[in-house]
């Protein structure tokens, strides 16, 4: 009977390998198991946070924010005003 390969199974296997590495005093193997676990969990990916994410709650709010930036987006501002008038 073959066991289905899942993220949980892989994490269990890596933890088991890490424990063996600790018992055998093999720090390189322990570190590699830890790094591989972190990669599987996505911790190696950079976190990108939108600084303005909390400022805009709806499409209307976004349109208003963009309309306030007339100097930066003059053509977009004109189109937004046109849509809001309709």
PDB file of N, CA and C in Angstrom:
ATOM      1  N   UNK A   1       0.853  -1.168   0.000  1.00  0.00           N
ATOM      2  CA  UNK A   1       0.000   0.000   0.000  1.00  0.00           C
ATOM      3  C   UNK A   1       0.905   1.240   0.000  1.00  0.00           C
ATOM      4  N   UNK A   2       0.696   2.097  -0.969  1.00  0.00           N
ATOM      5  CA  UNK A   2       1.513   3.298  -1.100  1.00  0.00           C
ATOM      6  C   UNK A   2       0.821   4.469  -0.407  1.00  0.00           C
ATOM      7  N   UNK A   3       1.591   5.193   0.401  1.00  0.00           N
ATOM      8  CA  UNK A   3       1.047   6.339   1.128  1.00  0.00           C
ATOM      9  C   UNK A   3       0.998   7.548   0.192  1.00  0.00           C
ATOM     10  N   UNK A   4      -0.101   8.287   0.250  1.00  0.00           N
ATOM     11  CA  UNK A   4      -0.246   9.494  -0.572  1.00  0.00           C
ATOM     12  C   UNK A   4       0.742  10.556  -0.106  1.00  0.00           C
ATOM     13  N   UNK A   5       1.384  11.204  -1.061  1.00  0.00           N
ATOM     14  CA  UNK A   5       2.358  12.241  -0.737  1.00  0.00           C
ATOM     15  C   UNK A   5       1.635  13.569  -0.529  1.00  0.00           C
ATOM     16  N   UNK A   6       1.727  14.091   0.676  1.00  0.00           N
ATOM     17  CA  UNK A   6       1.093  15.363   1.010  1.00  0.00           C
ATOM     18  C   UNK A   6       2.127  16.262   1.678  1.00  0.00           C
ATOM     19  N   UNK A   7       1.777  17.519   1.813  1.00  0.00           N
ATOM     20  CA  UNK A   7       2.655  18.453   2.505  1.00  0.00           C
ATOM     21  C   UNK A   7       2.884  18.008   3.944  1.00  0.00           C
ATOM     22  N   UNK A   8       1.832  17.556   4.593  1.00  0.00           N
ATOM     23  CA  UNK A   8       1.964  17.085   5.980  1.00  0.00           C
ATOM     24  C   UNK A   8       2.926  15.904   6.074  1.00  0.00           C
ATOM     25  N   UNK A   9       2.823  14.974   5.118  1.00  0.00           N
ATOM     26  CA  UNK A   9       3.733  13.820   5.119  1.00  0.00           C
ATOM     27  C   UNK A   9       5.182  14.270   4.933  1.00  0.00           C
ATOM     28  N   UNK A  10       5.395  15.182   4.007  1.00  0.00           N
ATOM     29  CA  UNK A  10       6.748  15.684   3.765  1.00  0.00           C
ATOM     30  C   UNK A  10       7.303  16.390   5.006  1.00  0.00           C
ATOM     31  N   UNK A  11       6.464  17.184   5.648  1.00  0.00           N
ATOM     32  CA  UNK A  11       6.897  17.877   6.858  1.00  0.00           C
ATOM     33  C   UNK A  11       7.228  16.895   7.973  1.00  0.00           C
ATOM     34  N   UNK A  12       6.426  15.844   8.099  1.00  0.00           N
ATOM     35  CA  UNK A  12       6.698  14.805   9.106  1.00  0.00           C
ATOM     36  C   UNK A  12       8.027  14.114   8.818  1.00  0.00           C
ATOM     37  N   UNK A  13       8.260  13.795   7.544  1.00  0.00           N
ATOM     38  CA  UNK A  13       9.515  13.132   7.172  1.00  0.00           C
ATOM     39  C   UNK A  13      10.714  14.039   7.440  1.00  0.00           C
ATOM     40  N   UNK A  14      10.572  15.309   7.129  1.00  0.00           N
ATOM     41  CA  UNK A  14      11.667  16.246   7.377  1.00  0.00           C
ATOM     42  C   UNK A  14      11.930  16.415   8.872  1.00  0.00           C
ATOM     43  N   UNK A  15      10.886  16.445   9.673  1.00  0.00           N
ATOM     44  CA  UNK A  15      11.069  16.556  11.122  1.00  0.00           C
ATOM     45  C   UNK A  15      11.753  15.296  11.665  1.00  0.00           C
ATOM     46  N   UNK A  16      11.362  14.160  11.125  1.00  0.00           N
ATOM     47  CA  UNK A  16      12.000  12.907  11.538  1.00  0.00           C
ATOM     48  C   UNK A  16      13.496  12.927  11.170  1.00  0.00           C
ATOM     49  N   UNK A  17      13.796  13.372   9.956  1.00  0.00           N
ATOM     50  CA  UNK A  17      15.192  13.470   9.515  1.00  0.00           C
ATOM     51  C   UNK A  17      15.966  14.462  10.381  1.00  0.00           C
ATOM     52  N   UNK A  18      15.317  15.548  10.760  1.00  0.00           N
ATOM     53  CA  UNK A  18      15.964  16.558  11.606  1.00  0.00           C
ATOM     54  C   UNK A  18      16.274  15.971  12.987  1.00  0.00           C
ATOM     55  N   UNK A  19      15.334  15.214  13.523  1.00  0.00           N
ATOM     56  CA  UNK A  19      15.561  14.583  14.837  1.00  0.00           C
ATOM     57  C   UNK A  19      16.726  13.587  14.784  1.00  0.00           C
ATOM     58  N   UNK A  20      16.797  12.829  13.703  1.00  0.00           N
ATOM     59  CA  UNK A  20      17.916  11.889  13.537  1.00  0.00           C
ATOM     60  C   UNK A  20      19.228  12.662  13.450  1.00  0.00           C
ATOM     61  N   UNK A  21      19.219  13.757  12.710  1.00  0.00           N
ATOM     62  CA  UNK A  21      20.424  14.580  12.576  1.00  0.00           C
ATOM     63  C   UNK A  21      20.852  15.147  13.929  1.00  0.00           C
ATOM     64  N   UNK A  22      19.881  15.528  14.749  1.00  0.00           N
ATOM     65  CA  UNK A  22      20.204  16.033  16.091  1.00  0.00           C
ATOM     66  C   UNK A  22      20.825  14.927  16.930  1.00  0.00           C
ATOM     67  N   UNK A  23      20.198  13.751  16.907  1.00  0.00           N
ATOM     68  CA  UNK A  23      20.703  12.617  17.698  1.00  0.00           C
ATOM     69  C   UNK A  23      22.101  12.201  17.249  1.00  0.00           C
ATOM     70  N   UNK A  24      22.349  12.255  15.939  1.00  0.00           N
ATOM     71  CA  UNK A  24      23.647  11.849  15.392  1.00  0.00           C
ATOM     72  C   UNK A  24      24.668  12.989  15.407  1.00  0.00           C
ATOM     73  N   UNK A  25      24.254  14.123  15.947  1.00  0.00           N
ATOM     74  CA  UNK A  25      25.131  15.303  16.023  1.00  0.00           C
ATOM     75  C   UNK A  25      25.675  15.690  14.649  1.00  0.00           C
ATOM     76  N   UNK A  26      24.738  15.837  13.721  1.00  0.00           N
ATOM     77  CA  UNK A  26      25.085  16.245  12.357  1.00  0.00           C
ATOM     78  C   UNK A  26      24.392  17.578  12.073  1.00  0.00           C
ATOM     79  N   UNK A  27      25.039  18.675  12.472  1.00  0.00           N
ATOM     80  CA  UNK A  27      24.392  19.982  12.344  1.00  0.00           C
ATOM     81  C   UNK A  27      24.064  20.369  10.901  1.00  0.00           C
ATOM     82  N   UNK A  28      24.893  19.978   9.965  1.00  0.00           N
ATOM     83  CA  UNK A  28      24.622  20.331   8.565  1.00  0.00           C
ATOM     84  C   UNK A  28      23.328  19.679   8.092  1.00  0.00           C
ATOM     85  N   UNK A  29      23.132  18.426   8.424  1.00  0.00           N
ATOM     86  CA  UNK A  29      21.904  17.720   8.042  1.00  0.00           C
ATOM     87  C   UNK A  29      20.693  18.324   8.746  1.00  0.00           C
ATOM     88  N   UNK A  30      20.882  18.711  10.016  1.00  0.00           N
ATOM     89  CA  UNK A  30      19.790  19.332  10.772  1.00  0.00           C
ATOM     90  C   UNK A  30      19.392  20.663  10.123  1.00  0.00           C
ATOM     91  N   UNK A  31      20.398  21.464   9.792  1.00  0.00           N
ATOM     92  CA  UNK A  31      20.129  22.765   9.168  1.00  0.00           C
ATOM     93  C   UNK A  31      19.452  22.574   7.819  1.00  0.00           C
ATOM     94  N   UNK A  32      19.902  21.609   7.038  1.00  0.00           N
ATOM     95  CA  UNK A  32      19.301  21.365   5.723  1.00  0.00           C
ATOM     96  C   UNK A  32      17.835  20.954   5.857  1.00  0.00           C
ATOM     97  N   UNK A  33      17.517  20.120   6.824  1.00  0.00           N
ATOM     98  CA  UNK A  33      16.120  19.720   7.043  1.00  0.00           C
ATOM     99  C   UNK A  33      15.276  20.922   7.455  1.00  0.00           C
ATOM    100  N   UNK A  34      15.845  21.781   8.293  1.00  0.00           N
ATOM    101  CA  UNK A  34      15.124  22.985   8.732  1.00  0.00           C
ATOM    102  C   UNK A  34      14.895  23.932   7.565  1.00  0.00           C
ATOM    103  N   UNK A  35      15.920  24.143   6.746  1.00  0.00           N
ATOM    104  CA  UNK A  35      15.794  25.031   5.581  1.00  0.00           C
ATOM    105  C   UNK A  35      14.765  24.479   4.595  1.00  0.00           C
ATOM    106  N   UNK A  36      14.807  23.192   4.357  1.00  0.00           N
ATOM    107  CA  UNK A  36      13.848  22.574   3.432  1.00  0.00           C
ATOM    108  C   UNK A  36      12.421  22.713   3.957  1.00  0.00           C
ATOM    109  N   UNK A  37      12.235  22.557   5.269  1.00  0.00           N
ATOM    110  CA  UNK A  37      10.917  22.749   5.879  1.00  0.00           C
ATOM    111  C   UNK A  37      10.439  24.182   5.660  1.00  0.00           C
ATOM    112  N   UNK A  38      11.319  25.131   5.901  1.00  0.00           N
ATOM    113  CA  UNK A  38      10.968  26.544   5.714  1.00  0.00           C
ATOM    114  C   UNK A  38      10.575  26.822   4.267  1.00  0.00           C
ATOM    115  N   UNK A  39      11.289  26.234   3.322  1.00  0.00           N
ATOM    116  CA  UNK A  39      10.965  26.428   1.904  1.00  0.00           C
ATOM    117  C   UNK A  39       9.599  25.839   1.562  1.00  0.00           C
ATOM    118  N   UNK A  40       9.319  24.654   2.076  1.00  0.00           N
ATOM    119  CA  UNK A  40       8.013  24.035   1.813  1.00  0.00           C
ATOM    120  C   UNK A  40       6.861  24.881   2.357  1.00  0.00           C
ATOM    121  N   UNK A  41       7.131  25.575   3.461  1.00  0.00           N
ATOM    122  CA  UNK A  41       6.099  26.405   4.076  1.00  0.00           C
ATOM    123  C   UNK A  41       6.064  27.819   3.494  1.00  0.00           C
ATOM    124  N   UNK A  42       6.970  28.099   2.553  1.00  0.00           N
ATOM    125  CA  UNK A  42       6.956  29.388   1.872  1.00  0.00           C
ATOM    126  C   UNK A  42       7.681  30.498   2.603  1.00  0.00           C
ATOM    127  N   UNK A  43       8.454  30.168   3.633  1.00  0.00           N
ATOM    128  CA  UNK A  43       9.155  31.198   4.398  1.00  0.00           C
ATOM    129  C   UNK A  43      10.352  31.774   3.657  1.00  0.00           C
ATOM    130  N   UNK A  44      10.727  31.178   2.542  1.00  0.00           N
ATOM    131  CA  UNK A  44      11.862  31.696   1.777  1.00  0.00           C
ATOM    132  C   UNK A  44      11.439  32.767   0.771  1.00  0.00           C
ATOM    133  N   UNK A  45      10.145  33.015   0.682  1.00  0.00           N
ATOM    134  CA  UNK A  45       9.637  34.008  -0.256  1.00  0.00           C
ATOM    135  C   UNK A  45       9.603  35.376   0.408  1.00  0.00           C
ATOM    136  N   UNK A  46       9.981  36.420  -0.342  1.00  0.00           N
ATOM    137  CA  UNK A  46       9.911  37.761   0.246  1.00  0.00           C
ATOM    138  C   UNK A  46       8.458  38.168   0.498  1.00  0.00           C
ATOM    139  N   UNK A  47       8.258  38.916   1.549  1.00  0.00           N
ATOM    140  CA  UNK A  47       6.926  39.406   1.880  1.00  0.00           C
ATOM    141  C   UNK A  47       6.809  40.821   1.345  1.00  0.00           C
ATOM    142  N   UNK A  48       5.820  41.023   0.484  1.00  0.00           N
ATOM    143  CA  UNK A  48       5.594  42.341  -0.091  1.00  0.00           C
ATOM    144  C   UNK A  48       4.315  42.890   0.518  1.00  0.00           C
ATOM    145  N   UNK A  49       4.434  44.023   1.174  1.00  0.00           N
ATOM    146  CA  UNK A  49       3.267  44.636   1.795  1.00  0.00           C
ATOM    147  C   UNK A  49       2.948  45.926   1.075  1.00  0.00           C
ATOM    148  N   UNK A  50       1.718  46.075   0.680  1.00  0.00           N
ATOM    149  CA  UNK A  50       1.259  47.300   0.046  1.00  0.00           C
ATOM    150  C   UNK A  50       1.034  48.335   1.141  1.00  0.00           C
ATOM    151  N   UNK A  51       1.816  49.386   1.093  1.00  0.00           N
ATOM    152  CA  UNK A  51       1.742  50.415   2.131  1.00  0.00           C
ATOM    153  C   UNK A  51       0.391  51.115   2.141  1.00  0.00           C
ATOM    154  N   UNK A  52      -0.325  51.090   1.026  1.00  0.00           N
ATOM    155  CA  UNK A  52      -1.618  51.771   0.937  1.00  0.00           C
ATOM    156  C   UNK A  52      -2.806  50.821   1.028  1.00  0.00           C
ATOM    157  N   UNK A  53      -2.555  49.566   1.328  1.00  0.00           N
ATOM    158  CA  UNK A  53      -3.627  48.573   1.319  1.00  0.00           C
ATOM    159  C   UNK A  53      -4.747  48.910   2.294  1.00  0.00           C
ATOM    160  N   UNK A  54      -4.411  49.483   3.439  1.00  0.00           N
ATOM    161  CA  UNK A  54      -5.434  49.789   4.439  1.00  0.00           C
ATOM    162  C   UNK A  54      -6.192  51.073   4.114  1.00  0.00           C
ATOM    163  N   UNK A  55      -5.645  51.898   3.236  1.00  0.00           N
ATOM    164  CA  UNK A  55      -6.246  53.197   2.949  1.00  0.00           C
ATOM    165  C   UNK A  55      -7.464  53.083   2.032  1.00  0.00           C
ATOM    166  N   UNK A  56      -7.507  52.063   1.195  1.00  0.00           N
ATOM    167  CA  UNK A  56      -8.584  51.932   0.211  1.00  0.00           C
ATOM    168  C   UNK A  56      -9.485  50.767   0.609  1.00  0.00           C
ATOM    169  N   UNK A  57     -10.767  51.065   0.818  1.00  0.00           N
ATOM    170  CA  UNK A  57     -11.702  50.041   1.255  1.00  0.00           C
ATOM    171  C   UNK A  57     -12.627  49.550   0.148  1.00  0.00           C
ATOM    172  N   UNK A  58     -12.815  50.376  -0.889  1.00  0.00           N
ATOM    173  CA  UNK A  58     -13.735  49.990  -1.957  1.00  0.00           C
ATOM    174  C   UNK A  58     -13.280  50.622  -3.266  1.00  0.00           C
ATOM    175  N   UNK A  59     -13.938  50.246  -4.343  1.00  0.00           N
ATOM    176  CA  UNK A  59     -13.638  50.828  -5.651  1.00  0.00           C
ATOM    177  C   UNK A  59     -13.904  52.330  -5.619  1.00  0.00           C
ATOM    178  N   UNK A  60     -14.965  52.741  -4.960  1.00  0.00           N
ATOM    179  CA  UNK A  60     -15.273  54.174  -4.856  1.00  0.00           C
ATOM    180  C   UNK A  60     -14.148  54.917  -4.139  1.00  0.00           C
ATOM    181  N   UNK A  61     -13.655  54.322  -3.050  1.00  0.00           N
ATOM    182  CA  UNK A  61     -12.539  54.934  -2.336  1.00  0.00           C
ATOM    183  C   UNK A  61     -11.312  55.045  -3.230  1.00  0.00           C
ATOM    184  N   UNK A  62     -11.049  53.991  -3.996  1.00  0.00           N
ATOM    185  CA  UNK A  62      -9.906  53.999  -4.897  1.00  0.00           C
ATOM    186  C   UNK A  62     -10.064  55.093  -5.949  1.00  0.00           C
ATOM    187  N   UNK A  63     -11.254  55.180  -6.526  1.00  0.00           N
ATOM    188  CA  UNK A  63     -11.506  56.218  -7.534  1.00  0.00           C
ATOM    189  C   UNK A  63     -11.315  57.611  -6.931  1.00  0.00           C
ATOM    190  N   UNK A  64     -11.793  57.798  -5.715  1.00  0.00           N
ATOM    191  CA  UNK A  64     -11.630  59.096  -5.053  1.00  0.00           C
ATOM    192  C   UNK A  64     -10.158  59.397  -4.769  1.00  0.00           C
ATOM    193  N   UNK A  65      -9.412  58.385  -4.325  1.00  0.00           N
ATOM    194  CA  UNK A  65      -7.984  58.571  -4.068  1.00  0.00           C
ATOM    195  C   UNK A  65      -7.260  58.968  -5.349  1.00  0.00           C
ATOM    196  N   UNK A  66      -7.566  58.271  -6.439  1.00  0.00           N
ATOM    197  CA  UNK A  66      -6.920  58.590  -7.715  1.00  0.00           C
ATOM    198  C   UNK A  66      -7.350  59.953  -8.230  1.00  0.00           C
ATOM    199  N   UNK A  67      -8.610  60.303  -8.049  1.00  0.00           N
ATOM    200  CA  UNK A  67      -9.113  61.603  -8.503  1.00  0.00           C
ATOM    201  C   UNK A  67      -8.440  62.736  -7.740  1.00  0.00           C
ATOM    202  N   UNK A  68      -8.047  62.499  -6.499  1.00  0.00           N
ATOM    203  CA  UNK A  68      -7.362  63.517  -5.703  1.00  0.00           C
ATOM    204  C   UNK A  68      -5.947  63.784  -6.198  1.00  0.00           C
ATOM    205  N   UNK A  69      -5.402  62.862  -6.985  1.00  0.00           N
ATOM    206  CA  UNK A  69      -4.037  63.000  -7.495  1.00  0.00           C
ATOM    207  C   UNK A  69      -4.045  63.569  -8.916  1.00  0.00           C
ATOM    208  N   UNK A  70      -4.695  64.692  -9.113  1.00  0.00           N
ATOM    209  CA  UNK A  70      -4.825  65.284 -10.449  1.00  0.00           C
ATOM    210  C   UNK A  70      -3.477  65.554 -11.098  1.00  0.00           C
ATOM    211  N   UNK A  71      -2.519  66.024 -10.315  1.00  0.00           N
ATOM    212  CA  UNK A  71      -1.213  66.350 -10.876  1.00  0.00           C
ATOM    213  C   UNK A  71      -0.494  65.112 -11.397  1.00  0.00           C
ATOM    214  N   UNK A  72      -0.669  64.003 -10.698  1.00  0.00           N
ATOM    215  CA  UNK A  72       0.057  62.799 -11.058  1.00  0.00           C
ATOM    216  C   UNK A  72      -0.633  62.003 -12.172  1.00  0.00           C
ATOM    217  N   UNK A  73      -1.955  62.008 -12.190  1.00  0.00           N
ATOM    218  CA  UNK A  73      -2.708  61.200 -13.152  1.00  0.00           C
ATOM    219  C   UNK A  73      -3.797  62.055 -13.833  1.00  0.00           C
ATOM    220  N   UNK A  74      -3.439  63.064 -14.610  1.00  0.00           N
ATOM    221  CA  UNK A  74      -4.467  63.955 -15.165  1.00  0.00           C
ATOM    222  C   UNK A  74      -5.460  63.259 -16.096  1.00  0.00           C
ATOM    223  N   UNK A  75      -4.990  62.361 -16.960  1.00  0.00           N
ATOM    224  CA  UNK A  75      -5.908  61.680 -17.887  1.00  0.00           C
ATOM    225  C   UNK A  75      -6.828  60.727 -17.137  1.00  0.00           C
ATOM    226  N   UNK A  76      -6.270  60.009 -16.182  1.00  0.00           N
ATOM    227  CA  UNK A  76      -7.081  59.081 -15.396  1.00  0.00           C
ATOM    228  C   UNK A  76      -8.110  59.842 -14.571  1.00  0.00           C
ATOM    229  N   UNK A  77      -7.694  60.964 -14.012  1.00  0.00           N
ATOM    230  CA  UNK A  77      -8.601  61.782 -13.207  1.00  0.00           C
ATOM    231  C   UNK A  77      -9.789  62.237 -14.047  1.00  0.00           C
ATOM    232  N   UNK A  78      -9.544  62.663 -15.268  1.00  0.00           N
ATOM    233  CA  UNK A  78     -10.625  63.107 -16.162  1.00  0.00           C
ATOM    234  C   UNK A  78     -11.585  61.961 -16.456  1.00  0.00           C
ATOM    235  N   UNK A  79     -11.066  60.783 -16.686  1.00  0.00           N
ATOM    236  CA  UNK A  79     -11.929  59.622 -16.971  1.00  0.00           C
ATOM    237  C   UNK A  79     -12.744  59.230 -15.750  1.00  0.00           C
ATOM    238  N   UNK A  80     -12.129  59.304 -14.560  1.00  0.00           N
ATOM    239  CA  UNK A  80     -12.847  58.969 -13.332  1.00  0.00           C
ATOM    240  C   UNK A  80     -13.996  59.944 -13.121  1.00  0.00           C
ATOM    241  N   UNK A  81     -13.741  61.227 -13.311  1.00  0.00           N
ATOM    242  CA  UNK A  81     -14.785  62.235 -13.148  1.00  0.00           C
ATOM    243  C   UNK A  81     -15.916  61.978 -14.135  1.00  0.00           C
ATOM    244  N   UNK A  82     -15.581  61.577 -15.362  1.00  0.00           N
ATOM    245  CA  UNK A  82     -16.590  61.276 -16.376  1.00  0.00           C
ATOM    246  C   UNK A  82     -17.467  60.096 -15.933  1.00  0.00           C
ATOM    247  N   UNK A  83     -16.842  59.043 -15.396  1.00  0.00           N
ATOM    248  CA  UNK A  83     -17.580  57.858 -14.949  1.00  0.00           C
ATOM    249  C   UNK A  83     -18.452  58.199 -13.741  1.00  0.00           C
ATOM    250  N   UNK A  84     -17.918  59.000 -12.825  1.00  0.00           N
ATOM    251  CA  UNK A  84     -18.682  59.363 -11.640  1.00  0.00           C
ATOM    252  C   UNK A  84     -19.903  60.213 -11.990  1.00  0.00           C
ATOM    253  N   UNK A  85     -19.808  61.003 -13.069  1.00  0.00           N
ATOM    254  CA  UNK A  85     -20.940  61.850 -13.480  1.00  0.00           C
ATOM    255  C   UNK A  85     -22.055  61.035 -14.123  1.00  0.00           C
ATOM    256  N   UNK A  86     -21.737  59.894 -14.687  1.00  0.00           N
ATOM    257  CA  UNK A  86     -22.755  59.071 -15.379  1.00  0.00           C
ATOM    258  C   UNK A  86     -23.650  58.340 -14.452  1.00  0.00           C
TER     259      UNK A  86
END
